[in-house]
PDB file of N, CA and C in Angstrom:
ATOM      1  N   UNK A   1     126.390 143.237  72.868  1.00  0.00           N
ATOM      2  CA  UNK A   1     127.698 142.582  73.097  1.00  0.00           C
ATOM      3  C   UNK A   1     127.998 141.839  71.672  1.00  0.00           C
ATOM      4  N   UNK A   2     129.049 141.706  71.061  1.00  0.00           N
ATOM      5  CA  UNK A   2     129.483 141.454  69.984  1.00  0.00           C
ATOM      6  C   UNK A   2     129.675 139.711  70.180  1.00  0.00           C
ATOM      7  N   UNK A   3     129.329 138.845  69.451  1.00  0.00           N
ATOM      8  CA  UNK A   3     129.825 137.530  69.828  1.00  0.00           C
ATOM      9  C   UNK A   3     131.056 136.892  69.086  1.00  0.00           C
ATOM     10  N   UNK A   4     131.974 136.309  69.465  1.00  0.00           N
ATOM     11  CA  UNK A   4     133.156 135.916  68.772  1.00  0.00           C
ATOM     12  C   UNK A   4     132.835 134.562  68.501  1.00  0.00           C
ATOM     13  N   UNK A   5     133.606 134.418  67.104  1.00  0.00           N
ATOM     14  CA  UNK A   5     133.389 133.013  66.646  1.00  0.00           C
ATOM     15  C   UNK A   5     134.320 132.320  67.081  1.00  0.00           C
ATOM     16  N   UNK A   6     134.141 130.803  67.565  1.00  0.00           N
ATOM     17  CA  UNK A   6     134.953 129.952  68.242  1.00  0.00           C
ATOM     18  C   UNK A   6     136.185 129.522  67.702  1.00  0.00           C
ATOM     19  N   UNK A   7     136.869 129.182  67.978  1.00  0.00           N
ATOM     20  CA  UNK A   7     138.187 128.559  67.421  1.00  0.00           C
ATOM     21  C   UNK A   7     138.000 127.318  66.502  1.00  0.00           C
ATOM     22  N   UNK A   8     138.582 126.941  65.244  1.00  0.00           N
ATOM     23  CA  UNK A   8     138.096 125.671  64.573  1.00  0.00           C
ATOM     24  C   UNK A   8     138.526 124.387  65.544  1.00  0.00           C
ATOM     25  N   UNK A   9     139.755 124.568  66.417  1.00  0.00           N
ATOM     26  CA  UNK A   9     139.633 123.164  67.020  1.00  0.00           C
ATOM     27  C   UNK A   9     138.769 123.134  68.215  1.00  0.00           C
ATOM     28  N   UNK A  10     137.999 124.209  68.844  1.00  0.00           N
ATOM     29  CA  UNK A  10     137.334 124.023  70.067  1.00  0.00           C
ATOM     30  C   UNK A  10     135.681 123.416  69.900  1.00  0.00           C
ATOM     31  N   UNK A  11     135.372 122.561  70.609  1.00  0.00           N
ATOM     32  CA  UNK A  11     134.114 121.975  70.608  1.00  0.00           C
ATOM     33  C   UNK A  11     132.964 123.050  70.858  1.00  0.00           C
ATOM     34  N   UNK A  12     131.717 122.683  69.767  1.00  0.00           N
ATOM     35  CA  UNK A  12     130.665 123.570  69.774  1.00  0.00           C
ATOM     36  C   UNK A  12     129.857 123.274  71.293  1.00  0.00           C
ATOM     37  N   UNK A  13     129.513 124.452  72.086  1.00  0.00           N
ATOM     38  CA  UNK A  13     128.798 124.211  73.212  1.00  0.00           C
ATOM     39  C   UNK A  13     127.171 124.276  72.819  1.00  0.00           C
ATOM     40  N   UNK A  14     126.508 123.223  72.974  1.00  0.00           N
ATOM     41  CA  UNK A  14     125.249 123.119  72.522  1.00  0.00           C
ATOM     42  C   UNK A  14     124.315 123.391  73.641  1.00  0.00           C
ATOM     43  N   UNK A  15     123.611 124.246  73.612  1.00  0.00           N
ATOM     44  CA  UNK A  15     122.971 124.635  75.191  1.00  0.00           C
ATOM     45  C   UNK A  15     121.354 124.479  74.943  1.00  0.00           C
ATOM     46  N   UNK A  16     121.172 123.667  73.852  1.00  0.00           N
ATOM     47  CA  UNK A  16     119.777 122.855  73.609  1.00  0.00           C
ATOM     48  C   UNK A  16     119.449 122.148  74.518  1.00  0.00           C
ATOM     49  N   UNK A  17     118.368 121.898  74.786  1.00  0.00           N
ATOM     50  CA  UNK A  17     117.691 120.753  75.792  1.00  0.00           C
ATOM     51  C   UNK A  17     118.321 119.374  75.142  1.00  0.00           C
ATOM     52  N   UNK A  18     118.956 118.429  76.193  1.00  0.00           N
ATOM     53  CA  UNK A  18     119.487 117.204  76.019  1.00  0.00           C
ATOM     54  C   UNK A  18     118.159 116.258  75.498  1.00  0.00           C
ATOM     55  N   UNK A  19     117.875 116.444  74.202  1.00  0.00           N
ATOM     56  CA  UNK A  19     116.653 115.650  73.598  1.00  0.00           C
ATOM     57  C   UNK A  19     117.163 114.081  73.633  1.00  0.00           C
ATOM     58  N   UNK A  20     118.396 113.925  73.347  1.00  0.00           N
ATOM     59  CA  UNK A  20     118.614 112.436  73.072  1.00  0.00           C
ATOM     60  C   UNK A  20     118.893 111.892  74.359  1.00  0.00           C
ATOM     61  N   UNK A  21     119.384 112.734  75.445  1.00  0.00           N
ATOM     62  CA  UNK A  21     119.547 112.150  76.732  1.00  0.00           C
ATOM     63  C   UNK A  21     118.032 112.063  77.568  1.00  0.00           C
ATOM     64  N   UNK A  22     117.463 112.798  77.358  1.00  0.00           N
ATOM     65  CA  UNK A  22     115.797 112.558  77.826  1.00  0.00           C
ATOM     66  C   UNK A  22     115.300 111.221  77.243  1.00  0.00           C
ATOM     67  N   UNK A  23     115.651 110.947  75.793  1.00  0.00           N
ATOM     68  CA  UNK A  23     114.969 109.927  75.304  1.00  0.00           C
ATOM     69  C   UNK A  23     115.462 108.548  75.834  1.00  0.00           C
ATOM     70  N   UNK A  24     116.792 108.754  76.063  1.00  0.00           N
ATOM     71  CA  UNK A  24     117.509 107.611  76.525  1.00  0.00           C
ATOM     72  C   UNK A  24     117.121 106.995  77.933  1.00  0.00           C
ATOM     73  N   UNK A  25     117.035 108.155  78.760  1.00  0.00           N
ATOM     74  CA  UNK A  25     116.796 108.125  80.218  1.00  0.00           C
ATOM     75  C   UNK A  25     115.107 107.565  80.197  1.00  0.00           C
ATOM     76  N   UNK A  26     114.193 107.889  79.541  1.00  0.00           N
ATOM     77  CA  UNK A  26     112.799 107.490  79.326  1.00  0.00           C
ATOM     78  C   UNK A  26     112.846 106.280  79.125  1.00  0.00           C
ATOM     79  N   UNK A  27     113.862 105.878  77.914  1.00  0.00           N
ATOM     80  CA  UNK A  27     113.940 104.479  77.633  1.00  0.00           C
ATOM     81  C   UNK A  27     114.011 103.237  78.644  1.00  0.00           C
ATOM     82  N   UNK A  28     115.011 103.850  79.227  1.00  0.00           N
ATOM     83  CA  UNK A  28     115.644 103.047  80.581  1.00  0.00           C
ATOM     84  C   UNK A  28     114.537 102.806  81.647  1.00  0.00           C
ATOM     85  N   UNK A  29     114.000 103.718  82.036  1.00  0.00           N
ATOM     86  CA  UNK A  29     112.871 103.853  82.827  1.00  0.00           C
ATOM     87  C   UNK A  29     111.804 103.192  82.491  1.00  0.00           C
ATOM     88  N   UNK A  30     111.320 103.238  81.325  1.00  0.00           N
ATOM     89  CA  UNK A  30     110.297 102.432  80.589  1.00  0.00           C
ATOM     90  C   UNK A  30     110.561 100.705  80.737  1.00  0.00           C
ATOM     91  N   UNK A  31     111.813 100.489  80.133  1.00  0.00           N
ATOM     92  CA  UNK A  31     112.181  99.136  80.431  1.00  0.00           C
ATOM     93  C   UNK A  31     112.032  98.700  82.032  1.00  0.00           C
ATOM     94  N   UNK A  32     112.772  99.485  82.650  1.00  0.00           N
ATOM     95  CA  UNK A  32     112.660  99.207  83.900  1.00  0.00           C
ATOM     96  C   UNK A  32     111.004  98.774  84.515  1.00  0.00           C
ATOM     97  N   UNK A  33     110.357  99.802  84.412  1.00  0.00           N
ATOM     98  CA  UNK A  33     108.803  99.588  84.589  1.00  0.00           C
ATOM     99  C   UNK A  33     108.073  98.652  84.109  1.00  0.00           C
ATOM    100  N   UNK A  34     108.549  98.096  82.754  1.00  0.00           N
ATOM    101  CA  UNK A  34     107.840  97.060  82.359  1.00  0.00           C
ATOM    102  C   UNK A  34     108.408  95.862  83.187  1.00  0.00           C
ATOM    103  N   UNK A  35     109.512  95.637  83.624  1.00  0.00           N
ATOM    104  CA  UNK A  35     110.011  94.357  84.317  1.00  0.00           C
ATOM    105  C   UNK A  35     109.477  94.145  85.506  1.00  0.00           C
ATOM    106  N   UNK A  36     109.503  95.429  86.232  1.00  0.00           N
ATOM    107  CA  UNK A  36     108.774  95.631  87.530  1.00  0.00           C
ATOM    108  C   UNK A  36     107.376  95.011  87.470  1.00  0.00           C
ATOM    109  N   UNK A  37     106.598  95.477  86.505  1.00  0.00           N
ATOM    110  CA  UNK A  37     105.315  95.424  85.966  1.00  0.00           C
ATOM    111  C   UNK A  37     105.068  93.741  86.136  1.00  0.00           C
ATOM    112  N   UNK A  38     105.750  93.184  85.404  1.00  0.00           N
ATOM    113  CA  UNK A  38     105.623  91.468  85.276  1.00  0.00           C
ATOM    114  C   UNK A  38     105.819  90.935  86.490  1.00  0.00           C
ATOM    115  N   UNK A  39     106.946  91.415  87.350  1.00  0.00           N
ATOM    116  CA  UNK A  39     107.145  90.963  88.849  1.00  0.00           C
ATOM    117  C   UNK A  39     105.773  91.008  89.794  1.00  0.00           C
ATOM    118  N   UNK A  40     105.674  92.497  89.534  1.00  0.00           N
ATOM    119  CA  UNK A  40     104.278  92.597  90.257  1.00  0.00           C
ATOM    120  C   UNK A  40     102.936  91.846  89.888  1.00  0.00           C
ATOM    121  N   UNK A  41     102.698  91.648  88.764  1.00  0.00           N
ATOM    122  CA  UNK A  41     101.849  90.687  88.294  1.00  0.00           C
ATOM    123  C   UNK A  41     101.693  89.361  88.886  1.00  0.00           C
ATOM    124  N   UNK A  42     102.793  88.926  88.567  1.00  0.00           N
ATOM    125  CA  UNK A  42     103.063  87.674  89.243  1.00  0.00           C
ATOM    126  C   UNK A  42     102.618  87.326  90.620  1.00  0.00           C
ATOM    127  N   UNK A  43     103.025  88.339  91.286  1.00  0.00           N
ATOM    128  CA  UNK A  43     103.044  88.296  92.646  1.00  0.00           C
ATOM    129  C   UNK A  43     101.528  88.359  92.985  1.00  0.00           C
ATOM    130  N   UNK A  44     100.582  89.308  92.283  1.00  0.00           N
ATOM    131  CA  UNK A  44      99.425  89.380  92.534  1.00  0.00           C
ATOM    132  C   UNK A  44      98.679  87.801  92.188  1.00  0.00           C
ATOM    133  N   UNK A  45      99.220  87.227  91.285  1.00  0.00           N
ATOM    134  CA  UNK A  45      98.650  86.077  91.038  1.00  0.00           C
ATOM    135  C   UNK A  45      98.934  85.039  92.087  1.00  0.00           C
ATOM    136  N   UNK A  46     100.021  85.018  92.457  1.00  0.00           N
ATOM    137  CA  UNK A  46     100.394  83.809  93.700  1.00  0.00           C
ATOM    138  C   UNK A  46      99.481  84.280  94.700  1.00  0.00           C
ATOM    139  N   UNK A  47      99.590  85.398  95.156  1.00  0.00           N
ATOM    140  CA  UNK A  47      98.608  85.811  96.340  1.00  0.00           C
ATOM    141  C   UNK A  47      97.184  85.432  95.956  1.00  0.00           C
ATOM    142  N   UNK A  48      96.480  85.756  94.776  1.00  0.00           N
ATOM    143  CA  UNK A  48      95.340  85.318  94.389  1.00  0.00           C
ATOM    144  C   UNK A  48      95.053  83.859  94.610  1.00  0.00           C
ATOM    145  N   UNK A  49      96.020  83.008  94.022  1.00  0.00           N
ATOM    146  CA  UNK A  49      95.792  81.552  93.883  1.00  0.00           C
ATOM    147  C   UNK A  49      95.713  81.294  95.554  1.00  0.00           C
ATOM    148  N   UNK A  50      96.795  81.505  96.413  1.00  0.00           N
ATOM    149  CA  UNK A  50      96.668  81.315  97.640  1.00  0.00           C
ATOM    150  C   UNK A  50      95.546  81.185  98.495  1.00  0.00           C
ATOM    151  N   UNK A  51      95.006  82.731  97.949  1.00  0.00           N
ATOM    152  CA  UNK A  51      93.660  83.087  98.964  1.00  0.00           C
ATOM    153  C   UNK A  51      92.437  82.215  98.474  1.00  0.00           C
ATOM    154  N   UNK A  52      92.298  82.004  97.202  1.00  0.00           N
ATOM    155  CA  UNK A  52      91.426  81.190  96.740  1.00  0.00           C
ATOM    156  C   UNK A  52      91.652  79.788  97.328  1.00  0.00           C
ATOM    157  N   UNK A  53      92.572  79.121  97.435  1.00  0.00           N
ATOM    158  CA  UNK A  53      92.837  77.609  97.932  1.00  0.00           C
ATOM    159  C   UNK A  53      92.543  77.654  99.447  1.00  0.00           C
ATOM    160  N   UNK A  54      93.057  79.058  99.989  1.00  0.00           N
ATOM    161  CA  UNK A  54      92.900  78.967 101.447  1.00  0.00           C
ATOM    162  C   UNK A  54      91.095  78.973 101.841  1.00  0.00           C
ATOM    163  N   UNK A  55      90.538  79.918 101.236  1.00  0.00           N
ATOM    164  CA  UNK A  55      88.990  79.952 101.093  1.00  0.00           C
ATOM    165  C   UNK A  55      88.072  78.932 100.881  1.00  0.00           C
ATOM    166  N   UNK A  56      88.813  78.068  99.840  1.00  0.00           N
ATOM    167  CA  UNK A  56      87.949  76.864  99.456  1.00  0.00           C
ATOM    168  C   UNK A  56      88.399  75.876 100.711  1.00  0.00           C
ATOM    169  N   UNK A  57      89.817  75.763 101.389  1.00  0.00           N
ATOM    170  CA  UNK A  57      89.901  75.077 102.494  1.00  0.00           C
ATOM    171  C   UNK A  57      89.129  75.393 103.414  1.00  0.00           C
ATOM    172  N   UNK A  58      89.210  76.634 103.869  1.00  0.00           N
ATOM    173  CA  UNK A  58      88.168  76.666 105.291  1.00  0.00           C
ATOM    174  C   UNK A  58      86.818  76.515 104.861  1.00  0.00           C
ATOM    175  N   UNK A  59      86.250  76.801 103.837  1.00  0.00           N
ATOM    176  CA  UNK A  59      84.724  76.651 103.585  1.00  0.00           C
ATOM    177  C   UNK A  59      84.401  74.864 103.607  1.00  0.00           C
ATOM    178  N   UNK A  60      85.532  74.472 102.860  1.00  0.00           N
ATOM    179  CA  UNK A  60      85.196  72.831 102.873  1.00  0.00           C
ATOM    180  C   UNK A  60      85.331  72.142 104.321  1.00  0.00           C
ATOM    181  N   UNK A  61      86.271  72.605 105.501  1.00  0.00           N
ATOM    182  CA  UNK A  61      86.255  72.264 106.562  1.00  0.00           C
ATOM    183  C   UNK A  61      85.088  72.846 107.523  1.00  0.00           C
ATOM    184  N   UNK A  62      84.734  73.966 107.113  1.00  0.00           N
ATOM    185  CA  UNK A  62      83.702  74.463 107.963  1.00  0.00           C
ATOM    186  C   UNK A  62      82.289  73.494 107.476  1.00  0.00           C
ATOM    187  N   UNK A  63      82.219  73.390 106.327  1.00  0.00           N
ATOM    188  CA  UNK A  63      81.039  72.365 106.286  1.00  0.00           C
ATOM    189  C   UNK A  63      81.078  70.929 106.704  1.00  0.00           C
ATOM    190  N   UNK A  64      82.332  70.556 107.195  1.00  0.00           N
ATOM    191  CA  UNK A  64      82.183  69.407 107.780  1.00  0.00           C
ATOM    192  C   UNK A  64      82.255  68.262 106.500  1.00  0.00           C
ATOM    193  N   UNK A  65      83.263  68.800 105.418  1.00  0.00           N
ATOM    194  CA  UNK A  65      83.244  67.627 104.416  1.00  0.00           C
ATOM    195  C   UNK A  65      84.507  67.056 104.698  1.00  0.00           C
ATOM    196  N   UNK A  66      84.670  66.038 103.996  1.00  0.00           N
ATOM    197  CA  UNK A  66      86.128  65.009 103.902  1.00  0.00           C
ATOM    198  C   UNK A  66      87.211  65.885 103.939  1.00  0.00           C
ATOM    199  N   UNK A  67      88.177  65.581 104.829  1.00  0.00           N
ATOM    200  CA  UNK A  67      89.478  66.541 104.780  1.00  0.00           C
ATOM    201  C   UNK A  67      90.306  66.340 103.397  1.00  0.00           C
ATOM    202  N   UNK A  68      90.100  64.851 103.043  1.00  0.00           N
ATOM    203  CA  UNK A  68      91.097  64.495 101.639  1.00  0.00           C
ATOM    204  C   UNK A  68      90.509  65.231 100.404  1.00  0.00           C
ATOM    205  N   UNK A  69      89.100  65.177 100.472  1.00  0.00           N
ATOM    206  CA  UNK A  69      88.448  65.765  99.223  1.00  0.00           C
ATOM    207  C   UNK A  69      88.704  67.199  99.278  1.00  0.00           C
ATOM    208  N   UNK A  70      88.555  67.940 100.415  1.00  0.00           N
ATOM    209  CA  UNK A  70      88.560  69.440 100.454  1.00  0.00           C
ATOM    210  C   UNK A  70      90.081  70.005 100.277  1.00  0.00           C
ATOM    211  N   UNK A  71      91.088  69.173 100.696  1.00  0.00           N
ATOM    212  CA  UNK A  71      92.660  69.564 100.453  1.00  0.00           C
ATOM    213  C   UNK A  71      92.940  69.449  98.930  1.00  0.00           C
ATOM    214  N   UNK A  72      92.461  68.229  98.214  1.00  0.00           N
ATOM    215  CA  UNK A  72      92.625  67.996  97.121  1.00  0.00           C
ATOM    216  C   UNK A  72      91.734  69.170  96.185  1.00  0.00           C
ATOM    217  N   UNK A  73      90.570  69.278  96.358  1.00  0.00           N
ATOM    218  CA  UNK A  73      89.657  70.273  95.611  1.00  0.00           C
ATOM    219  C   UNK A  73      90.478  71.746  95.785  1.00  0.00           C
ATOM    220  N   UNK A  74      90.992  72.098  97.200  1.00  0.00           N
ATOM    221  CA  UNK A  74      91.346  73.417  97.212  1.00  0.00           C
ATOM    222  C   UNK A  74      92.788  73.519  96.288  1.00  0.00           C
ATOM    223  N   UNK A  75      93.550  72.398  96.452  1.00  0.00           N
ATOM    224  CA  UNK A  75      94.844  72.408  95.673  1.00  0.00           C
ATOM    225  C   UNK A  75      94.513  72.586  94.024  1.00  0.00           C
ATOM    226  N   UNK A  76      93.843  71.510  93.756  1.00  0.00           N
ATOM    227  CA  UNK A  76      93.059  71.691  92.097  1.00  0.00           C
ATOM    228  C   UNK A  76      92.769  73.189  91.935  1.00  0.00           C
ATOM    229  N   UNK A  77      91.962  73.791  92.694  1.00  0.00           N
ATOM    230  CA  UNK A  77      91.388  75.271  92.373  1.00  0.00           C
ATOM    231  C   UNK A  77      92.597  76.301  92.342  1.00  0.00           C
ATOM    232  N   UNK A  78      93.353  76.007  93.640  1.00  0.00           N
ATOM    233  CA  UNK A  78      94.721  77.082  93.580  1.00  0.00           C
ATOM    234  C   UNK A  78      95.524  76.843  92.327  1.00  0.00           C
ATOM    235  N   UNK A  79      96.256  75.553  92.173  1.00  0.00           N
ATOM    236  CA  UNK A  79      96.764  75.494  91.134  1.00  0.00           C
ATOM    237  C   UNK A  79      96.481  75.617  89.724  1.00  0.00           C
ATOM    238  N   UNK A  80      94.776  75.586  89.374  1.00  0.00           N
ATOM    239  CA  UNK A  80      94.380  76.311  88.085  1.00  0.00           C
ATOM    240  C   UNK A  80      94.391  77.624  88.155  1.00  0.00           C
ATOM    241  N   UNK A  81      93.972  78.274  89.161  1.00  0.00           N
ATOM    242  CA  UNK A  81      94.048  79.665  89.186  1.00  0.00           C
ATOM    243  C   UNK A  81      95.517  80.209  89.064  1.00  0.00           C
ATOM    244  N   UNK A  82      96.641  79.556  89.543  1.00  0.00           N
ATOM    245  CA  UNK A  82      97.887  79.928  89.170  1.00  0.00           C
ATOM    246  C   UNK A  82      98.091  79.737  87.883  1.00  0.00           C
ATOM    247  N   UNK A  83      97.948  78.663  87.277  1.00  0.00           N
ATOM    248  CA  UNK A  83      98.311  78.183  85.829  1.00  0.00           C
ATOM    249  C   UNK A  83      97.562  79.312  85.091  1.00  0.00           C
ATOM    250  N   UNK A  84      96.435  79.646  84.986  1.00  0.00           N
ATOM    251  CA  UNK A  84      95.567  80.337  84.158  1.00  0.00           C
ATOM    252  C   UNK A  84      96.089  81.893  84.212  1.00  0.00           C
ATOM    253  N   UNK A  85      96.716  82.145  85.447  1.00  0.00           N
ATOM    254  CA  UNK A  85      97.145  83.687  85.973  1.00  0.00           C
ATOM    255  C   UNK A  85      98.245  83.664  85.069  1.00  0.00           C
ATOM    256  N   UNK A  86      99.278  82.661  85.240  1.00  0.00           N
ATOM    257  CA  UNK A  86     100.947  82.677  84.531  1.00  0.00           C
ATOM    258  C   UNK A  86     100.609  82.942  83.001  1.00  0.00           C
ATOM    259  N   UNK A  87      99.556  82.005  82.664  1.00  0.00           N
ATOM    260  CA  UNK A  87      99.387  82.044  81.218  1.00  0.00           C
ATOM    261  C   UNK A  87      98.983  83.099  80.656  1.00  0.00           C
ATOM    262  N   UNK A  88      98.016  83.943  81.547  1.00  0.00           N
ATOM    263  CA  UNK A  88      97.703  85.327  81.073  1.00  0.00           C
ATOM    264  C   UNK A  88      98.787  86.442  80.927  1.00  0.00           C
ATOM    265  N   UNK A  89      99.667  86.164  81.904  1.00  0.00           N
ATOM    266  CA  UNK A  89     100.840  87.143  81.991  1.00  0.00           C
ATOM    267  C   UNK A  89     101.826  86.795  81.037  1.00  0.00           C
ATOM    268  N   UNK A  90     101.866  85.413  80.296  1.00  0.00           N
ATOM    269  CA  UNK A  90     102.630  85.380  79.363  1.00  0.00           C
ATOM    270  C   UNK A  90     102.236  85.762  78.105  1.00  0.00           C
ATOM    271  N   UNK A  91     100.758  85.499  77.967  1.00  0.00           N
ATOM    272  CA  UNK A  91     100.159  86.258  76.722  1.00  0.00           C
ATOM    273  C   UNK A  91     100.039  87.735  76.855  1.00  0.00           C
ATOM    274  N   UNK A  92     100.074  88.187  77.703  1.00  0.00           N
ATOM    275  CA  UNK A  92     100.218  89.754  77.796  1.00  0.00           C
ATOM    276  C   UNK A  92     101.462  89.950  77.406  1.00  0.00           C
ATOM    277  N   UNK A  93     102.390  89.430  77.831  1.00  0.00           N
ATOM    278  CA  UNK A  93     103.790  90.000  77.488  1.00  0.00           C
ATOM    279  C   UNK A  93     104.222  89.719  76.075  1.00  0.00           C
ATOM    280  N   UNK A  94     103.764  88.578  75.710  1.00  0.00           N
ATOM    281  CA  UNK A  94     104.040  88.113  73.963  1.00  0.00           C
ATOM    282  C   UNK A  94     103.374  89.209  73.243  1.00  0.00           C
ATOM    283  N   UNK A  95     101.961  89.826  73.687  1.00  0.00           N
ATOM    284  CA  UNK A  95     101.492  90.723  72.759  1.00  0.00           C
ATOM    285  C   UNK A  95     102.136  92.174  72.961  1.00  0.00           C
ATOM    286  N   UNK A  96     102.575  92.354  74.004  1.00  0.00           N
ATOM    287  CA  UNK A  96     103.400  93.550  73.865  1.00  0.00           C
ATOM    288  C   UNK A  96     104.622  93.562  73.105  1.00  0.00           C
ATOM    289  N   UNK A  97     105.314  92.634  73.499  1.00  0.00           N
ATOM    290  CA  UNK A  97     106.607  92.411  72.461  1.00  0.00           C
ATOM    291  C   UNK A  97     106.035  92.608  71.013  1.00  0.00           C
ATOM    292  N   UNK A  98     105.202  92.032  70.653  1.00  0.00           N
ATOM    293  CA  UNK A  98     104.734  91.920  69.171  1.00  0.00           C
ATOM    294  C   UNK A  98     104.154  93.170  68.703  1.00  0.00           C
ATOM    295  N   UNK A  99     103.473  93.832  69.842  1.00  0.00           N
ATOM    296  CA  UNK A  99     102.963  95.553  69.332  1.00  0.00           C
ATOM    297  C   UNK A  99     104.204  96.364  69.113  1.00  0.00           C
ATOM    298  N   UNK A 100     105.317  96.280  70.149  1.00  0.00           N
ATOM    299  CA  UNK A 100     106.289  97.014  69.876  1.00  0.00           C
ATOM    300  C   UNK A 100     107.106  96.702  68.847  1.00  0.00           C
ATOM    301  N   UNK A 101     107.307  95.344  68.440  1.00  0.00           N
ATOM    302  CA  UNK A 101     107.803  95.273  67.148  1.00  0.00           C
ATOM    303  C   UNK A 101     107.333  95.916  65.995  1.00  0.00           C
ATOM    304  N   UNK A 102     105.951  95.738  66.007  1.00  0.00           N
ATOM    305  CA  UNK A 102     105.092  96.465  64.583  1.00  0.00           C
ATOM    306  C   UNK A 102     105.215  97.958  64.905  1.00  0.00           C
ATOM    307  N   UNK A 103     105.378  98.289  65.820  1.00  0.00           N
ATOM    308  CA  UNK A 103     105.619  99.945  66.063  1.00  0.00           C
ATOM    309  C   UNK A 103     106.962 100.410  65.454  1.00  0.00           C
ATOM    310  N   UNK A 104     107.709  99.691  65.981  1.00  0.00           N
ATOM    311  CA  UNK A 104     109.036 100.016  65.466  1.00  0.00           C
ATOM    312  C   UNK A 104     108.997  99.985  63.639  1.00  0.00           C
ATOM    313  N   UNK A 105     108.750  99.021  63.430  1.00  0.00           N
ATOM    314  CA  UNK A 105     108.593  98.692  61.943  1.00  0.00           C
ATOM    315  C   UNK A 105     107.876  99.725  61.088  1.00  0.00           C
ATOM    316  N   UNK A 106     106.817 100.343  61.657  1.00  0.00           N
ATOM    317  CA  UNK A 106     105.954 101.181  61.074  1.00  0.00           C
ATOM    318  C   UNK A 106     106.580 102.627  61.039  1.00  0.00           C
TER     319      UNK A 106
END
């Protein structure tokens, strides 16, 4: 069957796969996944910090230690765990952004 040439005013129909559209969709999905990953990391850090503080509190009270010292120690340990976890999340995010910037330049 003979193919006809399209009219000059007619837009060309490209039946090739939408590589540009696929790239845009993958980029948006990657950005959303990265944002959700940071949120999930923070949730895990909060849960781990709370569990550590609760475990220390329960152990200290089970050993009949002074309540003030146990609560203070559990709070310090839980707070320290939370702060180091948040610092690690921030450092990971900064390193990820830095690597992304270097990849774009190269």
